[in-house]
Amino acid sequence: MSEREIVKYAGLLGIILAILLPIAGMAGFKAEIAWLIAILGLIVGYFLKADVKTLLAGIVLVSITGIFATIPQFGELLTSIFKNLAVFAGAVIAIPALRVIWSKFKVKF
């Protein structure tokens, strides 16, 4: 299996889990689901050649998770979906961000 296929399938599975699990009746943020979504995000982040747009999109997604809580009737469901997506996005951007930090502070002897 190529790197591109790994990123495609892990990314697709992570997004599907993040969206469908709250809809399927698991309302609220479930920690036992979050670790699976985070691991899929780390796999995608490891193989992904991220650019600035990817990192910014992940940061924005992580920061807007609580905005939808005030919407009547659907706010809790949307908040749960965006929390799961934020876990996935945070894990995806973690490895490229750490690569950038490591490259800036790497000491050559």
Protein backbone atom coordinates (compact mmCIF):
# COMPACT_ATOMS: atom_id res chain seq x y z
CA MET A 1 0.00 0.00 0.00
CA SER A 2 1.46 3.36 -1.00
CA GLU A 3 1.77 6.41 1.26
CA ARG A 4 -0.89 8.19 -0.75
CA GLU A 5 -3.38 5.37 -0.19
CA ILE A 6 -2.59 5.27 3.53
CA VAL A 7 -3.25 9.01 3.84
CA LYS A 8 -6.42 8.72 1.76
CA TYR A 9 -7.96 5.83 3.70
CA ALA A 10 -6.87 6.94 7.18
CA GLY A 11 -8.07 10.47 6.49
CA LEU A 12 -11.38 9.31 5.11
CA LEU A 13 -11.95 6.92 8.02
CA GLY A 14 -11.04 9.60 10.57
CA ILE A 15 -13.43 12.15 9.08
CA ILE A 16 -16.24 9.60 8.72
CA LEU A 17 -15.83 8.50 12.36
CA ALA A 18 -15.72 12.10 13.55
CA ILE A 19 -18.96 12.95 11.77
CA LEU A 20 -21.03 9.77 12.00
CA LEU A 21 -20.42 8.71 15.60
CA PRO A 22 -22.20 11.70 17.18
CA ILE A 23 -25.01 11.35 14.64
CA ALA A 24 -25.39 7.66 15.43
CA GLY A 25 -26.51 8.42 18.96
CA MET A 26 -23.23 8.87 20.77
CA ALA A 27 -24.01 12.44 21.72
CA GLY A 28 -21.24 14.28 23.47
CA PHE A 29 -17.50 13.92 23.35
CA LYS A 30 -16.47 10.32 23.95
CA ALA A 31 -12.89 9.77 25.09
CA GLU A 32 -12.83 6.14 23.96
CA ILE A 33 -13.58 7.31 20.42
CA ALA A 34 -11.18 10.24 20.53
CA TRP A 35 -8.08 8.07 20.80
CA LEU A 36 -8.96 6.19 17.61
CA ILE A 37 -9.64 9.45 15.75
CA ALA A 38 -6.36 10.90 17.12
CA ILE A 39 -4.32 7.87 16.01
CA LEU A 40 -5.79 8.11 12.50
CA GLY A 41 -4.90 11.82 12.51
CA LEU A 42 -1.33 11.08 13.55
CA ILE A 43 -1.01 8.55 10.73
CA VAL A 44 -2.24 11.12 8.23
CA GLY A 45 0.03 13.79 9.73
CA TYR A 46 3.08 11.53 9.51
CA PHE A 47 2.69 10.92 5.78
CA LEU A 48 1.21 14.29 4.83
CA LYS A 49 3.39 16.93 3.23
CA ALA A 50 1.64 19.81 4.97
CA ASP A 51 1.85 23.40 3.84
CA VAL A 52 0.87 26.60 5.63
CA LYS A 53 -2.75 26.35 4.47
CA THR A 54 -3.12 22.90 6.02
CA LEU A 55 -1.68 24.05 9.33
CA LEU A 56 -3.89 27.15 9.43
CA ALA A 57 -7.01 25.16 8.56
CA GLY A 58 -6.28 22.77 11.41
CA ILE A 59 -5.73 25.61 13.87
CA VAL A 60 -8.99 27.30 12.84
CA LEU A 61 -10.93 24.04 13.13
CA VAL A 62 -9.56 23.41 16.61
CA SER A 63 -10.43 26.95 17.71
CA ILE A 64 -14.08 27.00 16.54
CA THR A 65 -15.31 23.86 18.27
CA GLY A 66 -17.44 25.64 20.86
CA ILE A 67 -19.12 28.16 18.58
CA PHE A 68 -22.06 25.96 17.66
CA ALA A 69 -23.13 25.19 21.24
CA THR A 70 -25.54 28.14 21.29
CA ILE A 71 -27.63 26.94 18.34
CA PRO A 72 -30.95 25.52 19.59
CA GLN A 73 -31.69 21.83 18.98
CA PHE A 74 -28.67 21.04 16.78
CA GLY A 75 -25.96 22.87 18.73
CA GLU A 76 -24.95 19.93 20.88
CA LEU A 77 -24.72 17.60 17.88
CA LEU A 78 -22.69 20.11 15.86
CA THR A 79 -20.41 20.73 18.83
CA SER A 80 -19.80 16.98 19.19
CA ILE A 81 -18.99 16.65 15.49
CA PHE A 82 -16.62 19.62 15.55
CA LYS A 83 -14.92 18.37 18.72
CA ASN A 84 -14.22 15.05 17.00
CA LEU A 85 -13.00 16.86 13.87
CA ALA A 86 -10.79 19.05 16.08
CA VAL A 87 -9.21 15.94 17.61
CA PHE A 88 -8.49 14.63 14.11
CA ALA A 89 -7.21 17.98 12.80
CA GLY A 90 -5.08 18.59 15.88
CA ALA A 91 -3.42 15.22 15.46
CA VAL A 92 -2.90 15.80 11.72
CA ILE A 93 -1.15 19.14 12.25
CA ALA A 94 0.88 18.01 15.27
CA ILE A 95 3.55 16.10 13.36
CA PRO A 96 4.18 18.69 10.59
CA ALA A 97 4.27 21.43 13.24
CA LEU A 98 6.80 19.45 15.28
CA ARG A 99 8.88 18.91 12.13
CA VAL A 100 9.00 22.67 11.53
CA ILE A 101 9.95 23.37 15.14
CA TRP A 102 12.62 20.66 15.10
CA SER A 103 14.13 22.00 11.85
CA LYS A 104 14.38 25.52 13.32
CA PHE A 105 16.02 24.49 16.58
CA LYS A 106 18.17 21.62 15.40
CA VAL A 107 21.75 22.13 16.52
CA LYS A 108 24.53 21.07 14.16
CA PHE A 109 27.78 19.92 15.71
